[in-house]
């Protein structure tokens, strides 16, 4: 809870007691002095705190507690609208990487943190698969498909297309870059 929410609680409490409606525009709500004045006018404590009692024993709590009415908006997130998976789908023409996002039927991004987490965990083959054949390694994708169809268990990867794009950009800067197989 932040300070603005506490002030909103106090304003809501005073407004409810006075039978009025209040609107708090974003970044331009009621000032603390105005809220204290409304609390005082409603016959409520100016600090917005009262003594609450334990529901079981009826004993009062040691400290006074902030109370009030607060506007809460319940967000509706339905899993059916959020769920997304990809086995096949479109690829970017330039980088040959899967498109991003649910709307383009894209894949999920494997960011730097995820890469380092897999590295730290020692999941080298998973990492290699994610960064090559499941991403932008066109020839590796074809070879892995053929291996699966033939029933072979081998992962032969090629050069990721993003590396080829980097080479082409460097060649565009008149740098003579050549790659060696091996």
N, C-alpha and C. Protein backbone atom coordinates (compact mmCIF):
# COMPACT_ATOMS: atom_id res chain seq x y z
N UNK A 1 0.85 -1.18 0.00
CA UNK A 1 0.00 0.00 0.00
C UNK A 1 0.89 1.24 0.00
N UNK A 2 0.55 2.21 -0.83
CA UNK A 2 1.34 3.44 -0.84
C UNK A 2 0.58 4.56 -0.14
N UNK A 3 1.23 5.69 0.01
CA UNK A 3 0.66 6.82 0.76
C UNK A 3 -0.64 7.30 0.10
N UNK A 4 -0.66 7.34 -1.23
CA UNK A 4 -1.86 7.77 -1.94
C UNK A 4 -3.07 6.90 -1.63
N UNK A 5 -2.84 5.59 -1.49
CA UNK A 5 -3.94 4.68 -1.17
C UNK A 5 -4.45 4.91 0.25
N UNK A 6 -3.55 5.21 1.17
CA UNK A 6 -3.97 5.49 2.55
C UNK A 6 -4.80 6.76 2.59
N UNK A 7 -4.35 7.80 1.88
CA UNK A 7 -5.12 9.04 1.82
C UNK A 7 -6.48 8.81 1.16
N UNK A 8 -6.50 7.96 0.14
CA UNK A 8 -7.76 7.63 -0.53
C UNK A 8 -8.71 6.92 0.43
N UNK A 9 -8.17 6.03 1.28
CA UNK A 9 -8.99 5.35 2.30
C UNK A 9 -9.62 6.37 3.24
N UNK A 10 -8.82 7.31 3.71
CA UNK A 10 -9.32 8.33 4.63
C UNK A 10 -10.40 9.19 3.96
N UNK A 11 -10.15 9.57 2.71
CA UNK A 11 -11.13 10.38 1.98
C UNK A 11 -12.42 9.60 1.79
N UNK A 12 -12.31 8.31 1.46
CA UNK A 12 -13.49 7.47 1.28
C UNK A 12 -14.29 7.33 2.56
N UNK A 13 -13.59 7.23 3.69
CA UNK A 13 -14.25 7.11 4.99
C UNK A 13 -15.03 8.39 5.32
N UNK A 14 -14.38 9.52 5.11
CA UNK A 14 -15.04 10.81 5.37
C UNK A 14 -16.22 11.01 4.43
N UNK A 15 -16.06 10.67 3.15
CA UNK A 15 -17.13 10.84 2.17
C UNK A 15 -18.32 9.95 2.50
N UNK A 16 -18.05 8.73 2.95
CA UNK A 16 -19.14 7.82 3.31
C UNK A 16 -19.89 8.35 4.52
N UNK A 17 -19.16 8.87 5.50
CA UNK A 17 -19.80 9.40 6.71
C UNK A 17 -20.62 10.65 6.41
N UNK A 18 -20.16 11.46 5.46
CA UNK A 18 -20.87 12.69 5.10
C UNK A 18 -21.95 12.46 4.03
N UNK A 19 -21.94 11.27 3.42
CA UNK A 19 -22.93 10.96 2.39
C UNK A 19 -22.67 11.66 1.07
N UNK A 20 -21.40 11.89 0.76
CA UNK A 20 -21.05 12.54 -0.51
C UNK A 20 -20.19 11.60 -1.35
N UNK A 21 -20.07 11.93 -2.62
CA UNK A 21 -19.21 11.16 -3.52
C UNK A 21 -17.99 11.99 -3.87
N UNK A 22 -16.83 11.34 -3.94
CA UNK A 22 -15.58 12.03 -4.28
C UNK A 22 -14.93 11.36 -5.48
N UNK A 23 -14.23 12.15 -6.25
CA UNK A 23 -13.47 11.64 -7.38
C UNK A 23 -12.04 12.12 -7.24
N UNK A 24 -11.09 11.20 -7.38
CA UNK A 24 -9.67 11.55 -7.25
C UNK A 24 -8.99 11.40 -8.61
N UNK A 25 -8.80 12.49 -9.34
CA UNK A 25 -8.07 12.38 -10.60
C UNK A 25 -6.62 11.94 -10.35
N UNK A 26 -6.06 11.27 -11.33
CA UNK A 26 -4.69 10.78 -11.21
C UNK A 26 -3.74 11.97 -11.06
N UNK A 27 -2.84 11.90 -10.09
CA UNK A 27 -1.82 12.91 -9.80
C UNK A 27 -2.40 14.26 -9.37
N UNK A 28 -3.70 14.32 -9.14
CA UNK A 28 -4.30 15.59 -8.73
C UNK A 28 -5.44 15.34 -7.75
N UNK A 29 -5.21 14.48 -6.78
CA UNK A 29 -6.24 14.15 -5.81
C UNK A 29 -6.33 15.18 -4.70
N UNK A 30 -7.17 14.88 -3.71
CA UNK A 30 -7.36 15.79 -2.57
C UNK A 30 -6.07 15.86 -1.76
N UNK A 31 -5.80 17.03 -1.23
CA UNK A 31 -4.60 17.23 -0.40
C UNK A 31 -4.87 16.71 1.01
N UNK A 32 -3.79 16.44 1.73
CA UNK A 32 -3.91 15.89 3.08
C UNK A 32 -4.71 16.82 3.99
N UNK A 33 -4.48 18.11 3.89
CA UNK A 33 -5.19 19.08 4.73
C UNK A 33 -6.69 19.05 4.44
N UNK A 34 -7.05 18.91 3.16
CA UNK A 34 -8.47 18.83 2.79
C UNK A 34 -9.12 17.57 3.34
N UNK A 35 -8.38 16.47 3.32
CA UNK A 35 -8.90 15.20 3.84
C UNK A 35 -9.09 15.29 5.35
N UNK A 36 -8.12 15.89 6.04
CA UNK A 36 -8.24 16.06 7.49
C UNK A 36 -9.45 16.92 7.83
N UNK A 37 -9.69 17.95 7.04
CA UNK A 37 -10.84 18.84 7.26
C UNK A 37 -12.15 18.07 7.09
N UNK A 38 -12.21 17.22 6.05
CA UNK A 38 -13.42 16.41 5.83
C UNK A 38 -13.62 15.40 6.96
N UNK A 39 -12.53 14.78 7.43
CA UNK A 39 -12.63 13.84 8.56
C UNK A 39 -13.16 14.55 9.80
N UNK A 40 -12.64 15.75 10.05
CA UNK A 40 -13.07 16.53 11.21
C UNK A 40 -14.54 16.91 11.08
N UNK A 41 -14.95 17.31 9.87
CA UNK A 41 -16.33 17.70 9.61
C UNK A 41 -17.29 16.52 9.81
N UNK A 42 -16.80 15.29 9.52
CA UNK A 42 -17.62 14.09 9.67
C UNK A 42 -17.61 13.56 11.10
N UNK A 43 -16.83 14.18 11.98
CA UNK A 43 -16.75 13.72 13.36
C UNK A 43 -15.86 12.50 13.53
N UNK A 44 -14.92 12.34 12.64
CA UNK A 44 -13.99 11.20 12.68
C UNK A 44 -12.62 11.70 13.10
N UNK A 45 -11.77 10.79 13.62
CA UNK A 45 -10.41 11.21 14.00
C UNK A 45 -9.65 11.74 12.78
N UNK A 46 -8.92 12.83 12.97
CA UNK A 46 -8.21 13.47 11.86
C UNK A 46 -7.09 12.61 11.28
N UNK A 47 -6.53 11.71 12.09
CA UNK A 47 -5.46 10.85 11.58
C UNK A 47 -6.00 9.61 10.87
N UNK A 48 -7.33 9.42 10.88
CA UNK A 48 -7.93 8.30 10.16
C UNK A 48 -7.74 6.96 10.84
N UNK A 49 -7.41 6.96 12.12
CA UNK A 49 -7.17 5.71 12.84
C UNK A 49 -8.18 5.58 13.98
N UNK A 50 -8.60 4.35 14.22
CA UNK A 50 -9.47 4.06 15.36
C UNK A 50 -8.98 2.80 16.05
N UNK A 51 -9.49 2.57 17.24
CA UNK A 51 -9.13 1.36 17.98
C UNK A 51 -10.06 0.24 17.52
N UNK A 52 -9.49 -0.84 17.05
CA UNK A 52 -10.26 -2.02 16.67
C UNK A 52 -10.21 -3.04 17.80
N UNK A 53 -11.20 -3.91 17.83
CA UNK A 53 -11.27 -4.93 18.87
C UNK A 53 -11.10 -6.31 18.26
N UNK A 54 -10.46 -7.19 19.01
CA UNK A 54 -10.25 -8.57 18.59
C UNK A 54 -11.62 -9.25 18.45
N UNK A 55 -11.85 -9.92 17.32
CA UNK A 55 -13.13 -10.56 17.07
C UNK A 55 -13.42 -11.74 17.98
N UNK A 56 -12.38 -12.38 18.52
CA UNK A 56 -12.58 -13.54 19.40
C UNK A 56 -12.78 -13.12 20.84
N UNK A 57 -11.85 -12.32 21.34
CA UNK A 57 -11.87 -11.99 22.77
C UNK A 57 -12.61 -10.70 23.08
N UNK A 58 -12.77 -9.83 22.10
CA UNK A 58 -13.40 -8.54 22.35
C UNK A 58 -12.45 -7.51 22.93
N UNK A 59 -11.20 -7.91 23.15
CA UNK A 59 -10.19 -7.00 23.70
C UNK A 59 -9.76 -6.00 22.64
N UNK A 60 -9.49 -4.76 23.03
CA UNK A 60 -8.99 -3.79 22.05
C UNK A 60 -7.53 -4.09 21.69
N UNK A 61 -7.18 -3.82 20.44
CA UNK A 61 -5.79 -3.99 20.02
C UNK A 61 -4.94 -2.89 20.64
N UNK A 62 -3.63 -3.14 20.75
CA UNK A 62 -2.72 -2.20 21.40
C UNK A 62 -2.62 -0.87 20.65
N UNK A 63 -2.59 -0.93 19.33
CA UNK A 63 -2.38 0.27 18.51
C UNK A 63 -3.65 0.61 17.73
N UNK A 64 -3.81 1.89 17.46
CA UNK A 64 -4.92 2.32 16.61
C UNK A 64 -4.60 1.94 15.16
N UNK A 65 -5.64 1.65 14.39
CA UNK A 65 -5.46 1.11 13.04
C UNK A 65 -6.11 2.04 12.02
N UNK A 66 -5.44 2.21 10.87
CA UNK A 66 -6.00 3.00 9.77
C UNK A 66 -7.17 2.25 9.16
N UNK A 67 -8.29 2.94 9.00
CA UNK A 67 -9.47 2.34 8.38
C UNK A 67 -10.00 3.29 7.32
N UNK A 68 -10.86 2.78 6.46
CA UNK A 68 -11.46 3.63 5.44
C UNK A 68 -12.07 2.83 4.32
N UNK A 69 -12.63 3.54 3.37
CA UNK A 69 -13.24 2.94 2.19
C UNK A 69 -12.33 3.22 1.00
N UNK A 70 -12.11 2.17 0.23
CA UNK A 70 -11.17 2.30 -0.87
C UNK A 70 -11.80 1.74 -2.14
N UNK A 71 -11.52 2.38 -3.26
CA UNK A 71 -12.00 1.90 -4.56
C UNK A 71 -11.03 0.83 -5.03
N UNK A 72 -11.58 -0.34 -5.33
CA UNK A 72 -10.75 -1.44 -5.82
C UNK A 72 -11.34 -1.91 -7.15
N UNK A 73 -10.50 -2.02 -8.15
CA UNK A 73 -10.91 -2.51 -9.46
C UNK A 73 -10.36 -3.92 -9.61
N UNK A 74 -11.24 -4.87 -9.77
CA UNK A 74 -10.81 -6.26 -9.94
C UNK A 74 -10.50 -6.47 -11.42
N UNK A 75 -9.28 -6.85 -11.69
CA UNK A 75 -8.89 -7.15 -13.06
C UNK A 75 -9.28 -8.58 -13.39
N UNK A 76 -9.81 -8.76 -14.57
CA UNK A 76 -10.24 -10.10 -14.97
C UNK A 76 -9.23 -10.66 -15.95
N UNK A 77 -8.46 -11.63 -15.48
CA UNK A 77 -7.50 -12.31 -16.34
C UNK A 77 -7.96 -13.76 -16.47
N UNK A 78 -8.42 -14.12 -17.63
CA UNK A 78 -8.88 -15.48 -17.86
C UNK A 78 -7.78 -16.28 -18.54
N UNK A 79 -7.54 -17.47 -18.03
CA UNK A 79 -6.44 -18.28 -18.55
C UNK A 79 -6.68 -18.64 -20.01
N UNK A 80 -7.94 -18.80 -20.40
CA UNK A 80 -8.22 -19.15 -21.80
C UNK A 80 -7.78 -18.05 -22.76
N UNK A 81 -7.80 -16.80 -22.30
CA UNK A 81 -7.36 -15.69 -23.14
C UNK A 81 -5.84 -15.52 -23.12
N UNK A 82 -5.19 -16.02 -22.07
CA UNK A 82 -3.76 -15.80 -21.90
C UNK A 82 -2.90 -16.94 -22.44
N UNK A 83 -3.43 -18.15 -22.41
CA UNK A 83 -2.60 -19.32 -22.73
C UNK A 83 -2.17 -19.29 -24.20
N UNK A 84 -0.94 -19.67 -24.44
CA UNK A 84 -0.41 -19.66 -25.80
C UNK A 84 0.74 -20.65 -25.88
N UNK A 85 0.75 -21.42 -26.95
CA UNK A 85 1.84 -22.37 -27.18
C UNK A 85 2.14 -22.37 -28.68
N UNK A 86 3.34 -22.79 -29.02
CA UNK A 86 3.73 -22.79 -30.43
C UNK A 86 4.54 -24.04 -30.71
N UNK A 87 4.14 -24.75 -31.75
CA UNK A 87 4.96 -25.86 -32.23
C UNK A 87 5.52 -25.49 -33.60
N UNK A 88 4.67 -24.94 -34.44
CA UNK A 88 5.10 -24.41 -35.73
C UNK A 88 4.50 -23.02 -35.88
N UNK A 89 5.04 -22.24 -36.77
CA UNK A 89 4.51 -20.90 -36.97
C UNK A 89 5.42 -20.07 -37.85
N UNK A 90 5.07 -18.80 -38.02
CA UNK A 90 5.83 -17.94 -38.93
C UNK A 90 7.19 -17.52 -38.36
N UNK A 91 8.11 -17.22 -39.27
CA UNK A 91 9.45 -16.76 -38.91
C UNK A 91 9.71 -15.41 -39.57
N UNK A 92 10.57 -14.62 -38.95
CA UNK A 92 10.99 -13.34 -39.52
C UNK A 92 11.78 -13.59 -40.80
N UNK A 93 11.53 -12.78 -41.83
CA UNK A 93 12.24 -12.97 -43.10
C UNK A 93 13.72 -12.65 -42.98
N UNK A 94 14.08 -11.68 -42.16
CA UNK A 94 15.48 -11.25 -42.07
C UNK A 94 16.29 -12.18 -41.18
N UNK A 95 15.82 -12.38 -39.95
CA UNK A 95 16.63 -13.14 -38.98
C UNK A 95 16.26 -14.61 -38.92
N UNK A 96 15.15 -15.00 -39.52
CA UNK A 96 14.65 -16.37 -39.48
C UNK A 96 14.32 -16.84 -38.06
N UNK A 97 14.11 -15.88 -37.15
CA UNK A 97 13.71 -16.22 -35.79
C UNK A 97 12.19 -16.24 -35.72
N UNK A 98 11.62 -17.02 -34.79
CA UNK A 98 10.16 -17.02 -34.65
C UNK A 98 9.66 -15.62 -34.30
N UNK A 99 8.52 -15.24 -34.84
CA UNK A 99 7.93 -13.95 -34.50
C UNK A 99 7.56 -13.94 -33.03
N UNK A 100 7.45 -12.75 -32.45
CA UNK A 100 7.14 -12.63 -31.02
C UNK A 100 5.68 -12.34 -30.77
N UNK A 101 5.16 -12.86 -29.70
CA UNK A 101 3.83 -12.51 -29.25
C UNK A 101 2.74 -13.46 -29.71
N UNK A 102 1.67 -13.46 -28.94
CA UNK A 102 0.54 -14.33 -29.21
C UNK A 102 -0.20 -13.92 -30.48
N UNK A 103 -0.31 -12.62 -30.73
CA UNK A 103 -1.07 -12.12 -31.88
C UNK A 103 -0.47 -12.58 -33.20
N UNK A 104 0.85 -12.68 -33.29
CA UNK A 104 1.52 -13.14 -34.52
C UNK A 104 1.78 -14.64 -34.50
N UNK A 105 1.17 -15.35 -33.55
CA UNK A 105 1.41 -16.78 -33.34
C UNK A 105 2.92 -17.03 -33.21
N UNK A 106 3.55 -16.20 -32.41
CA UNK A 106 4.99 -16.27 -32.24
C UNK A 106 5.41 -17.13 -31.08
N UNK A 107 6.71 -17.18 -30.87
CA UNK A 107 7.27 -17.97 -29.78
C UNK A 107 7.58 -17.10 -28.57
N UNK A 108 8.02 -17.76 -27.52
CA UNK A 108 8.41 -17.03 -26.32
C UNK A 108 9.89 -16.70 -26.41
N UNK A 109 10.25 -15.52 -25.94
CA UNK A 109 11.63 -15.06 -26.03
C UNK A 109 12.47 -15.70 -24.94
N UNK A 110 13.64 -16.17 -25.33
CA UNK A 110 14.62 -16.66 -24.37
C UNK A 110 15.61 -15.52 -24.17
N UNK A 111 15.44 -14.76 -23.11
CA UNK A 111 16.26 -13.58 -22.87
C UNK A 111 17.60 -13.90 -22.24
N UNK A 112 18.35 -12.86 -21.96
CA UNK A 112 19.69 -13.03 -21.41
C UNK A 112 19.67 -13.72 -20.05
N UNK A 113 18.69 -13.33 -19.21
CA UNK A 113 18.62 -13.95 -17.88
C UNK A 113 18.35 -15.45 -17.99
N UNK A 114 17.45 -15.83 -18.90
CA UNK A 114 17.13 -17.25 -19.07
C UNK A 114 18.33 -18.01 -19.60
N UNK A 115 19.06 -17.39 -20.53
CA UNK A 115 20.26 -18.04 -21.08
C UNK A 115 21.28 -18.29 -19.97
N UNK A 116 21.53 -17.27 -19.13
CA UNK A 116 22.52 -17.44 -18.07
C UNK A 116 22.03 -18.41 -17.00
N UNK A 117 20.73 -18.48 -16.77
CA UNK A 117 20.19 -19.44 -15.81
C UNK A 117 20.40 -20.86 -16.31
N UNK A 118 20.14 -21.10 -17.59
CA UNK A 118 20.38 -22.43 -18.16
C UNK A 118 21.87 -22.76 -18.15
N UNK A 119 22.70 -21.76 -18.41
CA UNK A 119 24.16 -21.95 -18.36
C UNK A 119 24.60 -22.34 -16.96
N UNK A 120 24.11 -21.62 -15.96
CA UNK A 120 24.49 -21.90 -14.57
C UNK A 120 23.99 -23.26 -14.12
N UNK A 121 22.85 -23.67 -14.63
CA UNK A 121 22.28 -24.96 -14.25
C UNK A 121 23.00 -26.12 -14.92
N UNK A 122 23.78 -25.81 -15.95
CA UNK A 122 24.53 -26.85 -16.65
C UNK A 122 23.71 -27.53 -17.73
N UNK A 123 22.68 -26.87 -18.22
CA UNK A 123 21.81 -27.45 -19.25
C UNK A 123 22.33 -27.05 -20.63
N UNK A 124 23.52 -27.52 -20.96
CA UNK A 124 24.19 -27.10 -22.19
C UNK A 124 23.43 -27.53 -23.44
N UNK A 125 22.94 -28.76 -23.47
CA UNK A 125 22.25 -29.23 -24.67
C UNK A 125 20.90 -28.53 -24.86
N UNK A 126 20.20 -28.28 -23.76
CA UNK A 126 18.94 -27.52 -23.85
C UNK A 126 19.21 -26.13 -24.38
N UNK A 127 20.25 -25.50 -23.87
CA UNK A 127 20.62 -24.16 -24.30
C UNK A 127 21.02 -24.15 -25.78
N UNK A 128 21.81 -25.14 -26.19
CA UNK A 128 22.22 -25.23 -27.59
C UNK A 128 21.00 -25.40 -28.50
N UNK A 129 20.07 -26.24 -28.08
CA UNK A 129 18.86 -26.47 -28.87
C UNK A 129 18.01 -25.20 -28.97
N UNK A 130 17.87 -24.49 -27.84
CA UNK A 130 17.05 -23.28 -27.82
C UNK A 130 17.65 -22.17 -28.68
N UNK A 131 18.96 -22.06 -28.70
CA UNK A 131 19.62 -20.97 -29.42
C UNK A 131 19.92 -21.30 -30.88
N UNK A 132 19.69 -22.54 -31.29
CA UNK A 132 19.97 -22.90 -32.68
C UNK A 132 18.71 -23.43 -33.37
N UNK A 133 18.44 -24.73 -33.25
CA UNK A 133 17.37 -25.34 -34.05
C UNK A 133 15.97 -24.86 -33.66
N UNK A 134 15.77 -24.44 -32.43
CA UNK A 134 14.45 -23.92 -32.03
C UNK A 134 14.36 -22.41 -32.26
N UNK A 135 15.40 -21.82 -32.80
CA UNK A 135 15.39 -20.38 -33.04
C UNK A 135 15.60 -20.08 -34.52
N UNK A 136 16.85 -19.79 -34.91
CA UNK A 136 17.08 -19.28 -36.27
C UNK A 136 18.11 -20.08 -37.06
N UNK A 137 18.31 -21.33 -36.72
CA UNK A 137 19.22 -22.19 -37.46
C UNK A 137 18.40 -22.97 -38.50
N UNK A 138 18.33 -22.42 -39.72
CA UNK A 138 17.46 -22.98 -40.76
C UNK A 138 17.92 -24.37 -41.17
N UNK A 139 19.21 -24.53 -41.46
CA UNK A 139 19.70 -25.84 -41.90
C UNK A 139 19.63 -26.86 -40.76
N UNK A 140 19.89 -26.41 -39.54
CA UNK A 140 19.79 -27.31 -38.39
C UNK A 140 18.36 -27.78 -38.16
N UNK A 141 17.39 -26.89 -38.39
CA UNK A 141 15.98 -27.25 -38.27
C UNK A 141 15.63 -28.38 -39.23
N UNK A 142 16.10 -28.24 -40.46
CA UNK A 142 15.83 -29.26 -41.47
C UNK A 142 16.48 -30.58 -41.09
N UNK A 143 17.74 -30.53 -40.65
CA UNK A 143 18.46 -31.75 -40.28
C UNK A 143 17.84 -32.44 -39.06
N UNK A 144 17.39 -31.66 -38.09
CA UNK A 144 16.80 -32.26 -36.89
C UNK A 144 15.46 -32.91 -37.23
N UNK A 145 14.71 -32.29 -38.16
CA UNK A 145 13.45 -32.88 -38.61
C UNK A 145 13.71 -34.22 -39.29
N UNK A 146 14.71 -34.26 -40.17
CA UNK A 146 15.06 -35.50 -40.86
C UNK A 146 15.51 -36.57 -39.88
N UNK A 147 16.27 -36.17 -38.85
CA UNK A 147 16.74 -37.13 -37.85
C UNK A 147 15.57 -37.70 -37.06
N UNK A 148 14.59 -36.88 -36.75
CA UNK A 148 13.41 -37.36 -36.01
C UNK A 148 12.61 -38.33 -36.87
N UNK A 149 12.44 -38.01 -38.16
CA UNK A 149 11.68 -38.88 -39.06
C UNK A 149 12.39 -40.23 -39.22
N UNK A 150 13.72 -40.22 -39.29
CA UNK A 150 14.49 -41.45 -39.45
C UNK A 150 14.68 -42.21 -38.14
N UNK A 151 14.28 -41.59 -37.02
CA UNK A 151 14.42 -42.26 -35.72
C UNK A 151 15.81 -42.14 -35.13
N UNK A 152 16.60 -41.23 -35.61
CA UNK A 152 17.95 -41.04 -35.09
C UNK A 152 17.92 -40.07 -33.91
N UNK A 153 18.87 -40.23 -33.00
CA UNK A 153 18.95 -39.34 -31.84
C UNK A 153 20.24 -38.54 -31.89
N UNK A 154 20.26 -37.55 -32.75
CA UNK A 154 21.44 -36.70 -32.83
C UNK A 154 20.99 -35.27 -33.10
N UNK A 155 21.73 -34.35 -32.55
CA UNK A 155 21.46 -32.93 -32.77
C UNK A 155 22.62 -32.35 -33.55
N UNK A 156 22.36 -32.08 -34.81
CA UNK A 156 23.39 -31.43 -35.63
C UNK A 156 22.91 -30.03 -35.95
N UNK A 157 23.63 -29.09 -35.45
CA UNK A 157 23.22 -27.70 -35.65
C UNK A 157 24.10 -27.05 -36.70
N UNK A 158 23.58 -25.99 -37.27
CA UNK A 158 24.33 -25.21 -38.25
C UNK A 158 24.65 -23.85 -37.66
N UNK A 159 24.75 -22.88 -38.53
CA UNK A 159 25.04 -21.51 -38.10
C UNK A 159 23.72 -20.75 -37.94
N UNK A 160 23.51 -20.13 -36.79
CA UNK A 160 22.28 -19.33 -36.61
C UNK A 160 22.23 -18.19 -37.62
N UNK A 161 21.04 -17.91 -38.12
CA UNK A 161 20.86 -16.86 -39.13
C UNK A 161 21.21 -15.49 -38.58
N UNK A 162 21.04 -15.29 -37.26
CA UNK A 162 21.40 -14.00 -36.67
C UNK A 162 22.90 -13.74 -36.81
N UNK A 163 23.71 -14.81 -36.78
CA UNK A 163 25.15 -14.65 -37.00
C UNK A 163 25.42 -14.22 -38.44
N UNK A 164 24.69 -14.82 -39.37
CA UNK A 164 24.84 -14.44 -40.79
C UNK A 164 24.43 -12.99 -41.01
N UNK A 165 23.37 -12.54 -40.32
CA UNK A 165 22.93 -11.14 -40.43
C UNK A 165 24.03 -10.22 -39.90
N UNK A 166 24.67 -10.60 -38.78
CA UNK A 166 25.77 -9.81 -38.23
C UNK A 166 26.92 -9.72 -39.23
N UNK A 167 27.27 -10.83 -39.86
CA UNK A 167 28.35 -10.85 -40.86
C UNK A 167 28.00 -9.91 -42.02
N UNK A 168 26.75 -9.97 -42.49
CA UNK A 168 26.33 -9.10 -43.60
C UNK A 168 26.37 -7.63 -43.20
N UNK A 169 26.00 -7.31 -41.96
CA UNK A 169 26.08 -5.92 -41.50
C UNK A 169 27.52 -5.44 -41.44
N UNK A 170 28.43 -6.29 -40.97
CA UNK A 170 29.85 -5.93 -40.92
C UNK A 170 30.42 -5.78 -42.33
N UNK A 171 29.99 -6.64 -43.26
CA UNK A 171 30.43 -6.51 -44.64
C UNK A 171 29.87 -5.23 -45.26
N UNK A 172 28.68 -4.81 -44.81
CA UNK A 172 28.11 -3.54 -45.27
C UNK A 172 28.92 -2.35 -44.80
N UNK A 173 29.71 -2.53 -43.74
CA UNK A 173 30.61 -1.48 -43.25
C UNK A 173 32.00 -1.60 -43.88
N UNK A 174 32.09 -2.38 -44.96
CA UNK A 174 33.34 -2.60 -45.71
C UNK A 174 34.39 -3.34 -44.89
N UNK A 175 33.95 -4.19 -43.98
CA UNK A 175 34.88 -5.07 -43.26
C UNK A 175 34.86 -6.42 -43.95
N UNK A 176 36.03 -6.90 -44.32
CA UNK A 176 36.12 -8.17 -45.03
C UNK A 176 36.10 -9.31 -44.02
N UNK A 177 34.94 -9.88 -43.79
CA UNK A 177 34.76 -10.95 -42.82
C UNK A 177 34.52 -12.25 -43.57
N UNK A 178 35.30 -13.26 -43.23
CA UNK A 178 35.11 -14.58 -43.82
C UNK A 178 35.01 -15.59 -42.68
N UNK A 179 34.13 -16.56 -42.83
CA UNK A 179 33.98 -17.60 -41.81
C UNK A 179 34.63 -18.88 -42.30
N UNK A 180 35.12 -19.66 -41.36
CA UNK A 180 35.75 -20.94 -41.70
C UNK A 180 34.91 -22.07 -41.15
N UNK A 181 34.77 -23.10 -41.90
CA UNK A 181 34.06 -24.29 -41.44
C UNK A 181 35.03 -25.13 -40.63
N UNK A 182 34.51 -25.73 -39.58
CA UNK A 182 35.43 -26.56 -38.83
C UNK A 182 35.10 -26.58 -37.44
